[in-house]
Amino acid sequence: MNTTPVYRVIFYNQNQVFEVFARAIYQSDMYGFIEVEEFIFGERSQLVVDPSEEKLKSEFSSVKRSYIPIHSVVRIDEVEQEGTAKVTEVAPGEKIAQFPFPGTAPTPSQD
């Protein structure tokens, strides 16, 4: 059984949504940032080359630790095993995540 947790970190940066996997993530001493260390890229599947994952792999190849502003983080999940890292382009003004707000807010009853 794997005792080292694996985290999926999804964050927004320069009109792109990054989804990366890492073994270490914690709150930074720099206020408003999280630190992500030990990036994981799919060495298991060398036969199939994913251009999105290769772009991330080359971008983070010499990175020891990444400081990500907390307001850029969309989601952090602890997962059973790593998946495929990817980059998704986002058009300016397009929503990244939409929260499930109800159509109308309930009004308090007049007792």
Protein backbone atom coordinates (compact mmCIF):
# COMPACT_ATOMS: atom_id res chain seq x y z
CA MET A 1 0.00 0.00 0.00
CA ASN A 2 1.29 3.45 -0.94
CA THR A 3 1.74 5.55 2.21
CA THR A 4 2.80 8.75 0.44
CA PRO A 5 -0.27 10.79 -0.50
CA VAL A 6 -0.72 12.09 -4.03
CA TYR A 7 -2.46 15.42 -4.59
CA ARG A 8 -4.16 16.78 -7.70
CA VAL A 9 -3.84 20.57 -7.80
CA ILE A 10 -5.97 22.55 -10.25
CA PHE A 11 -5.10 26.23 -10.60
CA TYR A 12 -5.57 29.14 -13.01
CA ASN A 13 -2.62 30.98 -14.56
CA GLN A 14 -2.56 33.35 -17.58
CA ASN A 15 -5.78 32.18 -19.29
CA GLN A 16 -4.90 28.53 -18.71
CA VAL A 17 -6.10 25.97 -16.19
CA PHE A 18 -3.30 23.69 -15.00
CA GLU A 19 -3.96 20.27 -13.51
CA VAL A 20 -0.81 18.82 -11.92
CA PHE A 21 -0.03 16.00 -9.52
CA ALA A 22 2.39 16.31 -6.60
CA ARG A 23 3.45 14.44 -3.49
CA ALA A 24 3.87 17.45 -1.18
CA ILE A 25 1.64 20.50 -0.77
CA TYR A 26 1.37 22.89 2.15
CA GLN A 27 0.74 26.48 3.16
CA SER A 28 3.69 28.73 2.47
CA ASP A 29 5.43 31.06 4.90
CA MET A 30 4.76 33.74 2.28
CA TYR A 31 1.28 34.96 3.08
CA GLY A 32 -1.34 34.01 0.48
CA PHE A 33 0.60 31.23 -1.27
CA ILE A 34 0.67 27.44 -1.21
CA GLU A 35 3.82 25.46 -1.93
CA VAL A 36 3.74 22.49 -4.27
CA GLU A 37 6.72 20.11 -4.37
CA GLU A 38 7.67 16.79 -5.95
CA PHE A 39 5.68 17.03 -9.16
CA ILE A 40 4.59 13.71 -10.67
CA PHE A 41 4.37 13.14 -14.40
CA GLY A 42 3.23 9.95 -16.16
CA GLU A 43 6.44 7.97 -16.58
CA ARG A 44 4.27 4.83 -16.73
CA SER A 45 2.90 5.52 -20.21
CA GLN A 46 5.96 6.20 -22.36
CA LEU A 47 4.32 4.66 -25.43
CA VAL A 48 1.60 7.29 -25.78
CA VAL A 49 2.75 10.92 -25.80
CA ASP A 50 0.28 13.53 -24.60
CA PRO A 51 1.29 17.03 -25.87
CA SER A 52 -0.40 18.75 -22.93
CA GLU A 53 1.47 16.62 -20.40
CA GLU A 54 4.75 17.05 -22.28
CA LYS A 55 4.28 20.84 -22.17
CA LEU A 56 3.81 20.70 -18.39
CA LYS A 57 6.69 18.30 -17.96
CA SER A 58 9.06 20.64 -19.79
CA GLU A 59 7.71 23.72 -17.97
CA PHE A 60 8.19 22.15 -14.51
CA SER A 61 11.30 20.07 -15.34
CA SER A 62 13.76 22.19 -13.34
CA VAL A 63 11.27 23.38 -10.70
CA LYS A 64 12.02 22.23 -7.17
CA ARG A 65 9.11 24.04 -5.52
CA SER A 66 6.28 26.12 -6.95
CA TYR A 67 4.52 28.93 -5.07
CA ILE A 68 0.92 29.29 -6.25
CA PRO A 69 -1.26 32.21 -5.12
CA ILE A 70 -4.13 30.85 -3.04
CA HIS A 71 -6.70 32.87 -5.02
CA SER A 72 -5.61 31.04 -8.22
CA VAL A 73 -6.31 27.60 -6.79
CA VAL A 74 -9.53 26.07 -8.09
CA ARG A 75 -9.32 22.76 -6.25
CA ILE A 76 -6.97 20.43 -4.38
CA ASP A 77 -7.77 16.71 -4.09
CA GLU A 78 -5.96 13.85 -2.41
CA VAL A 79 -6.15 10.97 -4.89
CA GLU A 80 -5.30 7.26 -4.83
CA GLN A 81 -2.87 7.46 -7.77
CA GLU A 82 -1.58 10.07 -10.19
CA GLY A 83 -3.35 10.74 -13.43
CA THR A 84 -2.49 12.68 -16.54
CA ALA A 85 -1.34 16.24 -15.99
CA LYS A 86 -2.90 18.69 -18.44
CA VAL A 87 -3.28 22.31 -19.47
CA THR A 88 -6.60 23.69 -20.69
CA GLU A 89 -6.97 27.02 -22.48
CA VAL A 90 -9.67 29.32 -21.10
CA ALA A 91 -11.16 32.13 -23.18
CA PRO A 92 -11.09 35.55 -21.50
CA GLY A 93 -14.28 36.03 -19.51
CA GLU A 94 -15.13 32.32 -19.53
CA LYS A 95 -16.01 30.86 -16.13
CA ILE A 96 -13.69 28.23 -14.71
CA ALA A 97 -15.97 26.82 -12.03
CA GLN A 98 -19.60 27.59 -11.48
CA PHE A 99 -20.99 27.17 -8.00
CA PRO A 100 -24.43 25.58 -7.65
CA PHE A 101 -26.41 28.52 -6.32
CA PRO A 102 -30.17 28.05 -6.08
CA GLY A 103 -32.34 29.89 -8.59
CA THR A 104 -34.08 31.94 -5.93
CA ALA A 105 -33.12 32.52 -2.35
CA PRO A 106 -35.66 31.42 0.24
CA THR A 107 -37.24 34.24 2.22
CA PRO A 108 -37.59 33.96 5.98
CA SER A 109 -41.09 33.20 7.22
CA GLN A 110 -42.98 35.90 9.11
CA ASP A 111 -43.99 34.21 12.39
